[in-house]
Amino acid sequence: MKGATETSPGARAVAEARLWLGTPYRHQASLRGVGCDCLGLLRGVWRGLYGAEPEPPPPYTATWAESAPVGADPLAEAAARHLRPVPGPLHEYRPERGDVLLFAFRRHLPARHCAVASGEGTMIHAHDGAVVAEVALTGWWRRHLAGAFRFPPP
């Protein structure tokens, strides 16, 4: 049935994220068409789905993940507070439209990048030096996947 798929939280999240395509990268920003970073994109998608953000993000530097306290994973901890974790082990995970993906660039460091899965093999993200884009979820990204979450029902 057409309506059920198009109104699911995942489909709505992808539609919201696509509205941000072409937005320039700006650290700590979250203004569609003006600038955002990866967290700003996710915050904008949340606002589009639910209205007000569930909590304000703290100020953060570009290297915040490298300086997080040992054992802390601030991005994953915030995701767990507001999103639903995808069940099962990550090595068996198959992305669904609208899933929030977290990436760690080093195994011993916390997650420091996020994106919205737009299909099983694609994602939408904001990356330093670029604009918000829909890109392939390549093997490199899959190897750095540190968490997967779903938006809750409205």
N, C-alpha and C. Protein backbone atom coordinates (compact mmCIF):
# COMPACT_ATOMS: atom_id res chain seq x y z
N MET A 1 0.85 -1.18 0.00
CA MET A 1 0.00 0.00 0.00
C MET A 1 0.89 1.24 0.00
N LYS A 2 0.64 2.15 -0.89
CA LYS A 2 1.49 3.32 -1.09
C LYS A 2 1.62 4.19 0.15
N GLY A 3 0.55 4.56 0.81
CA GLY A 3 0.59 5.48 1.94
C GLY A 3 1.38 4.96 3.13
N ALA A 4 1.33 3.64 3.40
CA ALA A 4 2.01 3.10 4.57
C ALA A 4 3.52 3.30 4.46
N THR A 5 4.08 3.08 3.30
CA THR A 5 5.52 3.23 3.13
C THR A 5 5.93 4.69 3.18
N GLU A 6 5.19 5.56 2.52
CA GLU A 6 5.57 6.96 2.41
C GLU A 6 5.44 7.71 3.73
N THR A 7 4.64 7.21 4.67
CA THR A 7 4.47 7.92 5.93
C THR A 7 5.21 7.25 7.08
N SER A 8 5.96 6.20 6.82
CA SER A 8 6.73 5.57 7.89
C SER A 8 7.78 6.56 8.38
N PRO A 9 8.22 6.43 9.63
CA PRO A 9 9.26 7.35 10.11
C PRO A 9 10.51 7.32 9.23
N GLY A 10 10.89 6.14 8.74
CA GLY A 10 12.07 6.05 7.89
C GLY A 10 11.92 6.79 6.58
N ALA A 11 10.79 6.60 5.91
CA ALA A 11 10.54 7.30 4.65
C ALA A 11 10.46 8.81 4.87
N ARG A 12 9.83 9.21 5.95
CA ARG A 12 9.75 10.65 6.25
C ARG A 12 11.13 11.22 6.56
N ALA A 13 11.97 10.45 7.26
CA ALA A 13 13.32 10.91 7.58
C ALA A 13 14.14 11.11 6.31
N VAL A 14 14.03 10.19 5.36
CA VAL A 14 14.77 10.32 4.10
C VAL A 14 14.26 11.55 3.34
N ALA A 15 12.96 11.74 3.30
CA ALA A 15 12.40 12.92 2.60
C ALA A 15 12.92 14.20 3.25
N GLU A 16 12.96 14.25 4.57
CA GLU A 16 13.49 15.43 5.27
C GLU A 16 14.97 15.63 4.96
N ALA A 17 15.74 14.55 5.02
CA ALA A 17 17.18 14.65 4.77
C ALA A 17 17.45 15.14 3.34
N ARG A 18 16.65 14.69 2.39
CA ARG A 18 16.85 15.12 1.00
C ARG A 18 16.59 16.60 0.81
N LEU A 19 15.78 17.20 1.66
CA LEU A 19 15.57 18.65 1.59
C LEU A 19 16.86 19.41 1.87
N TRP A 20 17.81 18.77 2.56
CA TRP A 20 19.08 19.39 2.95
C TRP A 20 20.17 19.22 1.91
N LEU A 21 19.93 18.42 0.86
CA LEU A 21 20.95 18.20 -0.17
C LEU A 21 21.45 19.54 -0.71
N GLY A 22 22.75 19.67 -0.84
CA GLY A 22 23.36 20.90 -1.34
C GLY A 22 23.68 21.93 -0.26
N THR A 23 23.23 21.70 0.98
CA THR A 23 23.55 22.63 2.07
C THR A 23 25.04 22.57 2.34
N PRO A 24 25.73 23.71 2.37
CA PRO A 24 27.18 23.70 2.62
C PRO A 24 27.52 23.21 4.03
N TYR A 25 28.71 22.63 4.15
CA TYR A 25 29.19 22.20 5.46
C TYR A 25 29.57 23.41 6.28
N ARG A 26 29.06 23.48 7.50
CA ARG A 26 29.43 24.50 8.48
C ARG A 26 29.43 23.84 9.84
N HIS A 27 30.58 23.84 10.49
CA HIS A 27 30.73 23.21 11.80
C HIS A 27 29.74 23.80 12.80
N GLN A 28 29.03 22.96 13.52
CA GLN A 28 28.04 23.27 14.56
C GLN A 28 26.77 23.94 14.04
N ALA A 29 26.61 24.12 12.75
CA ALA A 29 25.41 24.78 12.22
C ALA A 29 24.32 23.75 11.94
N SER A 30 23.08 24.25 11.83
CA SER A 30 21.94 23.40 11.51
C SER A 30 20.85 24.22 10.84
N LEU A 31 21.20 24.87 9.72
CA LEU A 31 20.26 25.70 8.98
C LEU A 31 20.21 25.22 7.54
N ARG A 32 19.10 24.62 7.15
CA ARG A 32 18.96 24.08 5.80
C ARG A 32 19.22 25.16 4.76
N GLY A 33 20.05 24.84 3.79
CA GLY A 33 20.39 25.76 2.71
C GLY A 33 21.48 26.75 3.08
N VAL A 34 21.76 26.90 4.37
CA VAL A 34 22.77 27.85 4.83
C VAL A 34 24.03 27.12 5.27
N GLY A 35 23.90 26.12 6.14
CA GLY A 35 25.05 25.37 6.58
C GLY A 35 24.70 24.39 7.68
N CYS A 36 25.43 23.27 7.69
CA CYS A 36 25.28 22.28 8.75
C CYS A 36 26.47 21.35 8.74
N ASP A 37 26.68 20.68 9.88
CA ASP A 37 27.62 19.57 9.94
C ASP A 37 26.76 18.31 10.03
N CYS A 38 27.39 17.16 10.24
CA CYS A 38 26.62 15.92 10.25
C CYS A 38 25.57 15.90 11.36
N LEU A 39 25.94 16.38 12.55
CA LEU A 39 24.98 16.43 13.64
C LEU A 39 23.89 17.47 13.34
N GLY A 40 24.27 18.57 12.73
CA GLY A 40 23.29 19.58 12.36
C GLY A 40 22.26 19.06 11.37
N LEU A 41 22.70 18.22 10.44
CA LEU A 41 21.77 17.58 9.50
C LEU A 41 20.79 16.71 10.27
N LEU A 42 21.31 15.88 11.16
CA LEU A 42 20.45 15.00 11.95
C LEU A 42 19.47 15.81 12.81
N ARG A 43 19.96 16.89 13.40
CA ARG A 43 19.09 17.77 14.20
C ARG A 43 17.98 18.36 13.33
N GLY A 44 18.33 18.77 12.10
CA GLY A 44 17.33 19.33 11.19
C GLY A 44 16.30 18.30 10.78
N VAL A 45 16.72 17.07 10.54
CA VAL A 45 15.77 16.00 10.21
C VAL A 45 14.83 15.79 11.40
N TRP A 46 15.39 15.75 12.62
CA TRP A 46 14.55 15.59 13.82
C TRP A 46 13.50 16.70 13.89
N ARG A 47 13.93 17.95 13.70
CA ARG A 47 12.97 19.07 13.76
C ARG A 47 11.89 18.92 12.71
N GLY A 48 12.26 18.46 11.53
CA GLY A 48 11.27 18.26 10.47
C GLY A 48 10.27 17.17 10.81
N LEU A 49 10.70 16.17 11.55
CA LEU A 49 9.82 15.07 11.92
C LEU A 49 8.97 15.35 13.15
N TYR A 50 9.59 15.99 14.15
CA TYR A 50 8.94 16.10 15.46
C TYR A 50 8.76 17.51 16.00
N GLY A 51 9.39 18.50 15.41
CA GLY A 51 9.35 19.85 15.97
C GLY A 51 10.62 20.14 16.73
N ALA A 52 10.49 20.58 17.96
CA ALA A 52 11.65 20.98 18.76
C ALA A 52 12.61 19.81 19.00
N GLU A 53 13.89 20.13 19.07
CA GLU A 53 14.90 19.13 19.35
C GLU A 53 14.75 18.63 20.79
N PRO A 54 15.10 17.36 21.05
CA PRO A 54 14.91 16.83 22.39
C PRO A 54 15.88 17.38 23.43
N GLU A 55 17.04 17.84 22.98
CA GLU A 55 18.01 18.46 23.89
C GLU A 55 18.98 19.28 23.05
N PRO A 56 19.49 20.37 23.61
CA PRO A 56 20.48 21.15 22.85
C PRO A 56 21.84 20.45 22.87
N PRO A 57 22.53 20.47 21.75
CA PRO A 57 23.87 19.86 21.78
C PRO A 57 24.84 20.78 22.51
N PRO A 58 25.80 20.20 23.20
CA PRO A 58 26.81 21.04 23.84
C PRO A 58 27.76 21.58 22.78
N PRO A 59 28.48 22.66 23.06
CA PRO A 59 29.49 23.11 22.11
C PRO A 59 30.52 21.99 21.91
N TYR A 60 31.00 21.85 20.68
CA TYR A 60 31.97 20.81 20.41
C TYR A 60 32.96 21.29 19.36
N THR A 61 34.18 20.80 19.50
CA THR A 61 35.23 21.14 18.54
C THR A 61 35.20 20.11 17.41
N ALA A 62 35.95 20.38 16.37
CA ALA A 62 36.03 19.44 15.25
C ALA A 62 36.69 18.12 15.67
N THR A 63 37.46 18.14 16.73
CA THR A 63 38.15 16.93 17.19
C THR A 63 37.59 16.43 18.53
N TRP A 64 36.32 16.73 18.80
CA TRP A 64 35.74 16.39 20.09
C TRP A 64 35.82 14.89 20.40
N ALA A 65 35.67 14.02 19.41
CA ALA A 65 35.67 12.58 19.69
C ALA A 65 37.02 12.11 20.21
N GLU A 66 38.09 12.71 19.70
CA GLU A 66 39.42 12.31 20.13
C GLU A 66 39.71 12.73 21.57
N SER A 67 38.99 13.73 22.06
CA SER A 67 39.24 14.20 23.42
C SER A 67 38.14 13.80 24.41
N ALA A 68 37.23 12.93 23.99
CA ALA A 68 36.17 12.46 24.89
C ALA A 68 36.81 11.64 26.02
N PRO A 69 36.24 11.67 27.19
CA PRO A 69 36.78 10.85 28.29
C PRO A 69 36.82 9.37 27.90
N VAL A 70 37.80 8.66 28.39
CA VAL A 70 37.94 7.24 28.09
C VAL A 70 36.64 6.52 28.48
N GLY A 71 36.14 5.71 27.59
CA GLY A 71 34.92 4.96 27.84
C GLY A 71 33.65 5.70 27.47
N ALA A 72 33.75 6.99 27.19
CA ALA A 72 32.56 7.76 26.81
C ALA A 72 32.38 7.73 25.30
N ASP A 73 31.14 7.78 24.87
CA ASP A 73 30.80 7.83 23.45
C ASP A 73 29.61 8.78 23.31
N PRO A 74 29.87 10.10 23.39
CA PRO A 74 28.78 11.09 23.48
C PRO A 74 27.74 11.01 22.38
N LEU A 75 28.16 10.78 21.14
CA LEU A 75 27.20 10.72 20.03
C LEU A 75 26.31 9.48 20.17
N ALA A 76 26.90 8.34 20.46
CA ALA A 76 26.11 7.12 20.64
C ALA A 76 25.21 7.22 21.87
N GLU A 77 25.70 7.85 22.92
CA GLU A 77 24.90 8.00 24.13
C GLU A 77 23.68 8.89 23.87
N ALA A 78 23.87 9.97 23.12
CA ALA A 78 22.75 10.84 22.77
C ALA A 78 21.76 10.12 21.86
N ALA A 79 22.28 9.36 20.90
CA ALA A 79 21.40 8.60 20.01
C ALA A 79 20.56 7.61 20.82
N ALA A 80 21.17 6.95 21.78
CA ALA A 80 20.45 5.97 22.59
C ALA A 80 19.37 6.62 23.45
N ARG A 81 19.55 7.88 23.81
CA ARG A 81 18.54 8.58 24.61
C ARG A 81 17.29 8.90 23.79
N HIS A 82 17.44 9.12 22.47
CA HIS A 82 16.32 9.65 21.69
C HIS A 82 15.88 8.79 20.51
N LEU A 83 16.70 7.84 20.12
CA LEU A 83 16.39 6.97 19.00
C LEU A 83 16.29 5.53 19.47
N ARG A 84 15.78 4.65 18.63
CA ARG A 84 15.69 3.23 18.98
C ARG A 84 16.87 2.48 18.36
N PRO A 85 17.64 1.75 19.17
CA PRO A 85 18.75 0.98 18.59
C PRO A 85 18.24 -0.11 17.67
N VAL A 86 18.94 -0.33 16.58
CA VAL A 86 18.60 -1.41 15.66
C VAL A 86 19.00 -2.72 16.32
N PRO A 87 18.11 -3.70 16.36
CA PRO A 87 18.44 -4.96 17.03
C PRO A 87 19.46 -5.78 16.23
N GLY A 88 20.18 -6.61 16.94
CA GLY A 88 21.12 -7.53 16.31
C GLY A 88 22.51 -6.98 16.18
N PRO A 89 23.46 -7.84 15.85
CA PRO A 89 24.85 -7.42 15.71
C PRO A 89 25.08 -6.57 14.47
N LEU A 90 25.98 -5.60 14.57
CA LEU A 90 26.24 -4.70 13.45
C LEU A 90 26.78 -5.41 12.22
N HIS A 91 27.53 -6.50 12.41
CA HIS A 91 28.09 -7.19 11.24
C HIS A 91 27.00 -7.86 10.40
N GLU A 92 25.80 -8.02 10.94
CA GLU A 92 24.67 -8.59 10.20
C GLU A 92 23.67 -7.51 9.75
N TYR A 93 23.93 -6.29 10.10
CA TYR A 93 22.99 -5.19 9.88
C TYR A 93 22.82 -4.87 8.40
N ARG A 94 21.57 -4.69 8.00
CA ARG A 94 21.21 -4.24 6.66
C ARG A 94 20.46 -2.91 6.83
N PRO A 95 21.02 -1.81 6.32
CA PRO A 95 20.37 -0.50 6.50
C PRO A 95 18.97 -0.46 5.92
N GLU A 96 18.10 0.23 6.63
CA GLU A 96 16.76 0.51 6.14
C GLU A 96 16.64 2.01 5.96
N ARG A 97 15.77 2.42 5.05
CA ARG A 97 15.57 3.84 4.79
C ARG A 97 15.27 4.58 6.09
N GLY A 98 16.01 5.66 6.31
CA GLY A 98 15.78 6.49 7.47
C GLY A 98 16.58 6.12 8.70
N ASP A 99 17.31 5.01 8.66
CA ASP A 99 18.14 4.65 9.81
C ASP A 99 19.23 5.69 10.02
N VAL A 100 19.54 5.95 11.27
CA VAL A 100 20.63 6.85 11.63
C VAL A 100 21.87 6.00 11.82
N LEU A 101 22.91 6.32 11.07
CA LEU A 101 24.15 5.56 11.10
C LEU A 101 25.22 6.36 11.83
N LEU A 102 25.94 5.71 12.72
CA LEU A 102 27.05 6.34 13.43
C LEU A 102 28.35 5.66 12.99
N PHE A 103 29.38 6.46 12.82
CA PHE A 103 30.66 5.96 12.36
C PHE A 103 31.78 6.38 13.30
N ALA A 104 32.70 5.47 13.54
CA ALA A 104 33.93 5.75 14.30
C ALA A 104 35.09 5.56 13.33
N PHE A 105 35.97 6.53 13.27
CA PHE A 105 37.06 6.45 12.31
C PHE A 105 38.26 5.67 12.83
N ARG A 106 38.28 5.40 14.11
CA ARG A 106 39.30 4.54 14.72
C ARG A 106 38.57 3.64 15.71
N ARG A 107 38.95 2.39 15.77
CA ARG A 107 38.25 1.42 16.64
C ARG A 107 38.26 1.82 18.11
N HIS A 108 39.32 2.44 18.55
CA HIS A 108 39.43 2.78 19.98
C HIS A 108 38.81 4.12 20.33
N LEU A 109 38.23 4.82 19.35
CA LEU A 109 37.62 6.13 19.59
C LEU A 109 36.10 6.04 19.48
N PRO A 110 35.41 7.00 20.11
CA PRO A 110 33.95 7.01 20.00
C PRO A 110 33.50 7.41 18.59
N ALA A 111 32.23 7.18 18.31
CA ALA A 111 31.64 7.60 17.04
C ALA A 111 31.78 9.11 16.90
N ARG A 112 32.08 9.57 15.68
CA ARG A 112 32.24 11.01 15.47
C ARG A 112 31.57 11.52 14.21
N HIS A 113 30.83 10.64 13.53
CA HIS A 113 30.14 11.05 12.31
C HIS A 113 28.80 10.35 12.26
N CYS A 114 27.80 11.01 11.68
CA CYS A 114 26.49 10.40 11.54
C CYS A 114 25.91 10.70 10.17
N ALA A 115 24.97 9.87 9.77
CA ALA A 115 24.33 9.99 8.46
C ALA A 115 22.95 9.37 8.55
N VAL A 116 22.15 9.59 7.52
CA VAL A 116 20.83 8.98 7.42
C VAL A 116 20.86 8.03 6.23
N ALA A 117 20.56 6.76 6.47
CA ALA A 117 20.50 5.79 5.37
C ALA A 117 19.33 6.16 4.47
N SER A 118 19.59 6.25 3.18
CA SER A 118 18.51 6.58 2.25
C SER A 118 18.06 5.36 1.47
N GLY A 119 18.75 4.26 1.64
CA GLY A 119 18.44 2.99 1.02
C GLY A 119 19.44 1.98 1.54
N GLU A 120 19.37 0.74 1.07
CA GLU A 120 20.31 -0.27 1.59
C GLU A 120 21.75 0.06 1.24
N GLY A 121 21.98 0.75 0.14
CA GLY A 121 23.34 1.02 -0.28
C GLY A 121 23.69 2.48 -0.40
N THR A 122 22.88 3.38 0.19
CA THR A 122 23.15 4.82 0.09
C THR A 122 22.87 5.50 1.42
N MET A 123 23.47 6.69 1.58
CA MET A 123 23.24 7.48 2.79
C MET A 123 23.34 8.96 2.44
N ILE A 124 22.78 9.78 3.30
CA ILE A 124 22.84 11.23 3.16
C ILE A 124 23.63 11.75 4.36
N HIS A 125 24.66 12.57 4.07
CA HIS A 125 25.48 13.08 5.18
C HIS A 125 26.11 14.42 4.81
N ALA A 126 26.56 15.11 5.84
CA ALA A 126 27.30 16.37 5.69
C ALA A 126 28.75 16.05 6.01
N HIS A 127 29.63 16.44 5.13
CA HIS A 127 31.06 16.12 5.31
C HIS A 127 31.88 17.37 5.13
N ASP A 128 32.86 17.55 6.00
CA ASP A 128 33.75 18.72 5.97
C ASP A 128 34.29 18.97 4.57
N GLY A 129 34.18 20.21 4.11
CA GLY A 129 34.70 20.58 2.80
C GLY A 129 33.77 20.29 1.64
N ALA A 130 32.53 19.87 1.94
CA ALA A 130 31.59 19.51 0.87
C ALA A 130 30.20 20.05 1.22
N VAL A 131 29.23 19.61 0.48
CA VAL A 131 27.84 19.95 0.77
C VAL A 131 27.13 18.66 1.19
N VAL A 132 25.96 18.80 1.78
CA VAL A 132 25.17 17.61 2.11
C VAL A 132 24.92 16.86 0.81
N ALA A 133 25.22 15.57 0.82
CA ALA A 133 25.13 14.77 -0.39
C ALA A 133 24.59 13.38 -0.08
N GLU A 134 24.01 12.77 -1.10
CA GLU A 134 23.58 11.38 -1.02
C GLU A 134 24.66 10.56 -1.72
N VAL A 135 25.27 9.66 -0.98
CA VAL A 135 26.44 8.93 -1.48
C VAL A 135 26.27 7.43 -1.25
N ALA A 136 27.14 6.65 -1.90
CA ALA A 136 27.13 5.21 -1.71
C ALA A 136 27.63 4.86 -0.31
N LEU A 137 26.99 3.90 0.28
CA LEU A 137 27.43 3.36 1.57
C LEU A 137 28.44 2.26 1.23
N THR A 138 29.65 2.68 0.96
CA THR A 138 30.70 1.78 0.48
C THR A 138 31.23 0.88 1.58
N GLY A 139 32.11 -0.04 1.20
CA GLY A 139 32.74 -0.92 2.16
C GLY A 139 33.50 -0.16 3.23
N TRP A 140 34.13 0.94 2.85
CA TRP A 140 34.87 1.75 3.83
C TRP A 140 33.92 2.23 4.92
N TRP A 141 32.78 2.79 4.52
CA TRP A 141 31.81 3.28 5.51
C TRP A 141 31.29 2.10 6.35
N ARG A 142 30.98 0.99 5.73
CA ARG A 142 30.46 -0.17 6.47
C ARG A 142 31.47 -0.67 7.51
N ARG A 143 32.75 -0.64 7.16
CA ARG A 143 33.78 -1.09 8.12
C ARG A 143 33.89 -0.16 9.32
N HIS A 144 33.49 1.10 9.16
CA HIS A 144 33.58 2.08 10.24
C HIS A 144 32.25 2.30 10.97
N LEU A 145 31.25 1.51 10.61
CA LEU A 145 29.95 1.63 11.25
C LEU A 145 30.07 1.28 12.73
N ALA A 146 29.62 2.18 13.59
CA ALA A 146 29.73 1.99 15.03
C ALA A 146 28.37 1.88 15.71
N GLY A 147 27.31 2.16 14.99
CA GLY A 147 25.97 2.08 15.58
C GLY A 147 24.92 2.38 14.54
N ALA A 148 23.72 1.85 14.79
CA ALA A 148 22.58 2.10 13.90
C ALA A 148 21.33 2.24 14.76
N PHE A 149 20.55 3.24 14.44
CA PHE A 149 19.37 3.58 15.22
C PHE A 149 18.23 3.91 14.27
N ARG A 150 17.00 3.88 14.83
CA ARG A 150 15.82 4.26 14.05
C ARG A 150 15.08 5.38 14.79
N PHE A 151 14.48 6.24 13.99
CA PHE A 151 13.65 7.28 14.57
C PHE A 151 12.42 6.61 15.21
N PRO A 152 11.97 7.14 16.35
CA PRO A 152 10.76 6.58 16.98
C PRO A 152 9.53 7.02 16.20
N PRO A 153 8.42 6.29 16.37
CA PRO A 153 7.18 6.75 15.74
C PRO A 153 6.79 8.12 16.29
N PRO A 154 6.12 8.92 15.48
CA PRO A 154 5.73 10.27 15.96
C PRO A 154 4.75 10.21 17.13
